[in-house]
N, C-alpha and C. Protein backbone atom coordinates (compact mmCIF):
# COMPACT_ATOMS: atom_id res chain seq x y z
N MET A 1 87.85 -137.23 -18.57
CA MET A 1 89.13 -137.35 -17.47
C MET A 1 90.06 -135.69 -18.57
N LYS A 2 90.34 -136.58 -19.71
CA LYS A 2 90.89 -135.40 -20.24
C LYS A 2 90.02 -134.44 -20.98
N LEU A 3 89.43 -134.40 -21.26
CA LEU A 3 88.20 -132.74 -21.38
C LEU A 3 88.51 -132.46 -20.51
N LEU A 4 87.94 -132.76 -18.98
CA LEU A 4 87.91 -131.84 -18.09
C LEU A 4 89.28 -131.12 -17.75
N THR A 5 89.96 -131.78 -17.83
CA THR A 5 91.42 -131.23 -16.96
C THR A 5 91.46 -130.18 -18.46
N VAL A 6 91.33 -130.59 -19.75
CA VAL A 6 91.96 -129.43 -20.69
C VAL A 6 90.62 -128.01 -20.31
N LEU A 7 89.81 -128.36 -19.61
CA LEU A 7 88.59 -127.16 -19.60
C LEU A 7 88.79 -126.04 -18.60
N ILE A 8 89.31 -127.06 -17.30
CA ILE A 8 90.51 -126.17 -16.18
C ILE A 8 91.18 -125.67 -16.81
N CYS A 9 92.49 -126.12 -17.57
CA CYS A 9 93.43 -125.55 -17.97
C CYS A 9 92.83 -123.69 -19.03
N LEU A 10 92.06 -124.40 -19.83
CA LEU A 10 91.65 -123.05 -20.52
C LEU A 10 91.01 -121.33 -19.26
N ILE A 11 89.88 -122.60 -18.47
CA ILE A 11 89.28 -121.27 -17.69
C ILE A 11 90.59 -120.58 -17.37
N CYS A 12 91.68 -121.38 -16.49
CA CYS A 12 92.78 -120.60 -15.39
C CYS A 12 93.44 -120.04 -16.40
N PHE A 13 93.72 -120.33 -17.70
CA PHE A 13 93.77 -119.17 -18.54
C PHE A 13 93.62 -118.61 -18.94
N ASN A 14 92.53 -118.55 -18.53
CA ASN A 14 91.66 -116.70 -19.45
C ASN A 14 91.59 -116.21 -17.84
N PHE A 15 91.50 -116.68 -17.12
CA PHE A 15 91.46 -116.07 -15.75
C PHE A 15 92.45 -115.03 -15.31
N SER A 16 94.28 -116.04 -15.32
CA SER A 16 95.35 -114.83 -15.53
C SER A 16 95.18 -114.30 -16.28
N ALA A 17 94.87 -114.75 -17.85
CA ALA A 17 94.97 -113.13 -18.94
C ALA A 17 94.55 -112.20 -18.32
N GLN A 18 92.80 -112.05 -17.68
CA GLN A 18 92.13 -111.14 -18.06
C GLN A 18 92.94 -110.25 -16.44
N ILE A 19 93.36 -111.42 -15.41
CA ILE A 19 93.72 -110.12 -14.80
C ILE A 19 94.75 -109.76 -15.43
N LYS A 20 96.06 -110.20 -16.34
CA LYS A 20 97.02 -109.30 -16.69
C LYS A 20 96.88 -108.07 -17.11
N LEU A 21 95.60 -108.40 -18.05
CA LEU A 21 95.20 -107.31 -18.58
C LEU A 21 94.64 -105.74 -18.32
N GLU A 22 93.79 -106.53 -16.95
CA GLU A 22 93.54 -105.70 -16.04
C GLU A 22 94.56 -104.67 -15.44
N SER A 23 94.98 -105.52 -14.73
CA SER A 23 96.43 -105.07 -13.94
C SER A 23 97.86 -103.42 -15.06
N LYS A 24 97.68 -104.58 -16.50
CA LYS A 24 98.40 -103.14 -17.23
C LYS A 24 97.17 -102.54 -17.52
N GLU A 25 96.19 -102.61 -17.90
CA GLU A 25 95.36 -101.43 -17.68
C GLU A 25 95.43 -100.56 -16.90
N SER A 26 95.24 -100.89 -15.64
CA SER A 26 95.04 -99.79 -14.50
C SER A 26 96.51 -99.51 -14.48
N ILE A 27 97.48 -100.10 -14.61
CA ILE A 27 98.93 -98.81 -14.71
C ILE A 27 98.79 -97.83 -15.87
N LYS A 28 98.47 -98.30 -16.73
CA LYS A 28 98.46 -97.82 -18.16
C LYS A 28 97.64 -96.76 -17.66
N SER A 29 96.17 -96.46 -17.29
CA SER A 29 95.57 -95.35 -16.91
C SER A 29 96.31 -94.83 -15.72
N GLN A 30 96.98 -94.76 -14.46
CA GLN A 30 97.91 -94.24 -14.15
C GLN A 30 98.07 -93.51 -14.49
N SER A 31 99.39 -93.75 -15.05
CA SER A 31 100.57 -92.89 -15.85
C SER A 31 100.09 -92.34 -17.68
N HIS A 32 99.39 -92.46 -17.77
CA HIS A 32 99.38 -92.01 -19.04
C HIS A 32 97.94 -90.55 -18.88
N GLU A 33 98.06 -90.45 -20.37
CA GLU A 33 96.77 -89.34 -20.59
C GLU A 33 95.51 -89.78 -20.69
N LYS A 34 94.44 -89.67 -19.87
CA LYS A 34 93.01 -90.27 -19.87
C LYS A 34 92.27 -89.57 -21.43
N ALA A 35 91.14 -90.21 -21.24
CA ALA A 35 90.15 -89.85 -22.60
C ALA A 35 89.09 -89.69 -21.94
N VAL A 36 88.47 -88.55 -22.01
CA VAL A 36 86.73 -88.46 -21.60
C VAL A 36 86.76 -88.28 -22.63
N LYS A 37 85.48 -88.56 -22.99
CA LYS A 37 84.29 -88.59 -24.35
C LYS A 37 85.73 -88.02 -25.31
N GLY A 38 86.45 -89.22 -25.30
CA GLY A 38 87.19 -88.65 -26.54
C GLY A 38 88.36 -87.95 -27.17
N ARG A 39 88.25 -87.21 -25.76
CA ARG A 39 89.52 -86.00 -25.48
C ARG A 39 90.40 -86.21 -24.31
N TYR A 40 91.14 -86.18 -25.00
CA TYR A 40 92.56 -86.48 -23.66
C TYR A 40 92.66 -85.19 -22.86
N TYR A 41 93.37 -86.00 -21.62
CA TYR A 41 94.11 -84.75 -20.75
C TYR A 41 94.72 -85.48 -19.84
N SER A 42 95.41 -84.42 -19.44
CA SER A 42 96.67 -84.73 -19.05
C SER A 42 96.05 -84.59 -17.68
N GLU A 43 96.99 -85.07 -15.98
CA GLU A 43 96.59 -84.99 -14.80
C GLU A 43 96.78 -83.86 -13.89
N TYR A 44 97.02 -82.69 -15.62
CA TYR A 44 97.48 -81.50 -14.39
C TYR A 44 97.70 -80.51 -16.25
N VAL A 45 96.94 -79.12 -16.29
CA VAL A 45 97.10 -79.11 -17.54
C VAL A 45 97.97 -78.30 -18.44
N VAL A 46 98.95 -78.77 -17.99
CA VAL A 46 100.24 -78.92 -18.52
C VAL A 46 100.73 -79.73 -18.37
N ARG A 47 101.49 -80.26 -19.52
CA ARG A 47 101.94 -81.51 -19.36
C ARG A 47 103.19 -82.03 -18.05
N PRO A 48 102.85 -83.14 -17.21
CA PRO A 48 103.90 -83.18 -16.51
C PRO A 48 105.37 -83.41 -16.45
N GLU A 49 105.47 -83.60 -17.90
CA GLU A 49 106.72 -83.78 -18.21
C GLU A 49 107.28 -82.15 -18.47
N LYS A 50 106.69 -81.19 -19.07
CA LYS A 50 107.05 -80.07 -19.30
C LYS A 50 106.80 -79.00 -17.64
N LEU A 51 105.75 -79.92 -17.10
CA LEU A 51 105.78 -78.48 -15.81
C LEU A 51 106.60 -78.63 -14.55
N LYS A 52 107.29 -79.50 -14.86
CA LYS A 52 108.33 -80.22 -13.13
C LYS A 52 109.11 -79.07 -13.73
N THR A 53 109.64 -79.00 -15.23
CA THR A 53 110.60 -77.94 -15.64
C THR A 53 110.58 -76.41 -14.76
N PHE A 54 109.09 -76.09 -14.90
CA PHE A 54 109.19 -74.58 -13.82
C PHE A 54 109.40 -74.62 -12.52
N PHE A 55 109.61 -75.57 -11.88
CA PHE A 55 109.53 -75.57 -10.78
C PHE A 55 111.12 -76.14 -9.88
N HIS A 56 111.64 -75.02 -9.43
CA HIS A 56 112.97 -74.84 -8.63
C HIS A 56 113.62 -76.41 -8.42
N SER A 57 112.46 -76.65 -7.95
CA SER A 57 112.88 -78.39 -7.20
C SER A 57 112.78 -79.41 -8.50
N GLU A 58 112.34 -79.56 -9.90
CA GLU A 58 112.26 -79.92 -10.81
C GLU A 58 110.94 -80.94 -10.53
N THR A 59 110.32 -80.63 -9.08
CA THR A 59 109.01 -81.70 -9.16
C THR A 59 107.31 -80.80 -9.11
N ILE A 60 106.73 -81.10 -9.27
CA ILE A 60 105.41 -80.75 -9.44
C ILE A 60 105.23 -80.68 -7.26
N PRO A 61 104.76 -79.32 -7.02
CA PRO A 61 104.37 -79.62 -5.58
C PRO A 61 102.96 -80.14 -5.27
N ASP A 62 102.74 -81.13 -4.36
CA ASP A 62 101.38 -81.36 -4.10
C ASP A 62 99.92 -80.84 -3.86
N SER A 63 100.24 -79.23 -3.76
CA SER A 63 99.20 -78.63 -4.03
C SER A 63 98.80 -77.84 -5.10
N PHE A 64 99.62 -77.79 -6.09
CA PHE A 64 99.63 -77.98 -7.72
C PHE A 64 98.39 -78.17 -7.74
N PRO A 65 97.17 -77.89 -8.36
CA PRO A 65 95.81 -78.07 -8.71
C PRO A 65 96.15 -78.85 -9.56
N LYS A 66 95.24 -80.42 -9.57
CA LYS A 66 95.12 -81.16 -10.66
C LYS A 66 93.78 -80.75 -11.70
N TYR A 67 94.02 -81.65 -12.87
CA TYR A 67 92.95 -81.02 -13.93
C TYR A 67 91.62 -81.87 -13.36
N ASP A 68 90.97 -80.71 -13.16
CA ASP A 68 89.19 -81.20 -12.90
C ASP A 68 88.61 -81.34 -14.22
N LYS A 69 88.71 -83.05 -14.50
CA LYS A 69 87.72 -83.19 -16.14
C LYS A 69 86.29 -82.62 -16.53
N TYR A 70 85.67 -81.84 -14.95
CA TYR A 70 84.15 -81.31 -15.14
C TYR A 70 84.49 -80.16 -15.34
N LEU A 71 85.62 -79.37 -15.62
CA LEU A 71 85.48 -77.95 -15.83
C LEU A 71 86.41 -78.08 -17.21
N THR A 72 86.14 -76.77 -17.53
CA THR A 72 86.29 -76.42 -19.10
C THR A 72 88.02 -76.25 -19.09
N PHE A 73 88.55 -76.67 -20.19
CA PHE A 73 90.57 -76.50 -20.49
C PHE A 73 90.51 -74.79 -19.69
N GLU A 74 90.14 -73.68 -20.10
CA GLU A 74 90.11 -72.31 -19.91
C GLU A 74 90.05 -72.73 -18.38
N GLU A 75 88.80 -73.44 -18.01
CA GLU A 75 88.90 -73.22 -16.51
C GLU A 75 90.15 -73.36 -15.47
N ASN A 76 90.41 -74.47 -16.10
CA ASN A 76 91.40 -75.29 -15.39
C ASN A 76 92.73 -74.63 -15.73
N LYS A 77 92.68 -74.32 -16.46
CA LYS A 77 94.03 -72.91 -16.50
C LYS A 77 94.19 -71.87 -15.93
N SER A 78 93.03 -70.86 -15.89
CA SER A 78 93.03 -69.82 -15.00
C SER A 78 93.09 -70.59 -13.25
N ILE A 79 92.09 -71.21 -12.66
CA ILE A 79 93.02 -72.13 -11.35
C ILE A 79 94.62 -72.34 -11.52
N ALA A 80 95.26 -73.06 -12.28
CA ALA A 80 96.36 -73.35 -12.18
C ALA A 80 97.44 -72.06 -12.14
N ILE A 81 97.17 -70.88 -12.83
CA ILE A 81 97.53 -69.70 -13.28
C ILE A 81 97.37 -68.58 -11.74
N GLU A 82 96.07 -69.06 -11.14
CA GLU A 82 95.63 -68.36 -9.72
C GLU A 82 96.96 -68.93 -8.62
N TRP A 83 97.25 -70.27 -8.97
CA TRP A 83 98.27 -71.13 -8.04
C TRP A 83 99.51 -70.42 -7.86
N ALA A 84 100.15 -70.88 -9.29
CA ALA A 84 101.27 -70.03 -9.69
C ALA A 84 101.47 -68.38 -8.97
N LYS A 85 100.07 -67.86 -9.16
CA LYS A 85 100.51 -66.28 -9.15
C LYS A 85 100.76 -66.43 -7.33
N LYS A 86 100.03 -66.88 -6.54
CA LYS A 86 99.96 -67.15 -5.23
C LYS A 86 101.44 -67.85 -5.10
N ASN A 87 101.84 -68.67 -5.94
CA ASN A 87 102.83 -69.32 -5.42
C ASN A 87 104.05 -69.34 -6.11
N ARG A 88 104.77 -67.60 -6.29
CA ARG A 88 105.26 -68.12 -7.35
C ARG A 88 107.10 -68.02 -6.61
N THR A 89 107.58 -68.15 -5.28
CA THR A 89 108.71 -68.68 -5.23
C THR A 89 109.33 -69.82 -5.03
N LEU A 90 108.19 -70.70 -5.49
CA LEU A 90 108.05 -71.86 -6.32
C LEU A 90 108.44 -71.92 -7.21
N ILE A 91 107.96 -70.96 -8.63
CA ILE A 91 108.35 -71.20 -9.96
C ILE A 91 109.81 -70.82 -9.96
N LYS A 92 110.77 -71.15 -11.13
CA LYS A 92 111.54 -70.54 -11.73
C LYS A 92 111.56 -69.29 -12.29
N GLU A 93 111.90 -68.26 -12.32
CA GLU A 93 111.71 -66.26 -12.04
C GLU A 93 112.75 -66.45 -13.87
N GLN A 94 112.09 -67.18 -14.57
CA GLN A 94 112.03 -67.43 -16.03
C GLN A 94 111.07 -67.71 -17.41
N TYR A 95 110.09 -68.22 -15.82
CA TYR A 95 108.77 -68.64 -16.31
C TYR A 95 107.52 -67.63 -15.85
N TRP A 96 108.31 -66.75 -14.90
CA TRP A 96 107.57 -66.08 -13.83
C TRP A 96 106.44 -65.36 -15.40
N TYR A 97 107.25 -64.81 -16.99
CA TYR A 97 105.53 -64.23 -17.66
C TYR A 97 105.16 -64.59 -18.35
N LYS A 98 104.69 -66.30 -17.73
CA LYS A 98 103.66 -67.14 -18.38
C LYS A 98 102.43 -66.75 -17.80
N PHE A 99 102.56 -66.35 -16.40
CA PHE A 99 100.75 -66.12 -15.23
C PHE A 99 101.39 -64.67 -15.49
N ASP A 100 102.03 -63.35 -16.06
CA ASP A 100 102.17 -62.27 -15.08
C ASP A 100 101.09 -61.69 -16.20
N ASN A 101 100.88 -62.47 -17.72
CA ASN A 101 100.29 -61.81 -18.88
C ASN A 101 98.72 -62.38 -18.64
N GLU A 102 98.57 -62.91 -17.65
CA GLU A 102 97.24 -63.57 -17.50
C GLU A 102 96.34 -62.56 -15.90
């Protein structure tokens, strides 16, 4: 009887530990850089902390293109630059030069 109780406790403990690990991992994957084939990328072509500073509102607009892991960095960058050129009024004037040169 005691052995059965110990086994049940071990199974429950192991199950709860797996749930905690999965929850922690899912939170981490949503909030940190992601790895693809050993290469890390952010949700955007520029790290969100830096990207926020480009905008008057200090927040990233919903329409700003997210990083597409199936495209190259250069392709993602050109998509972001084209978006920025079309939405220049959202960007602080001091950062316009970053998009004019491209």
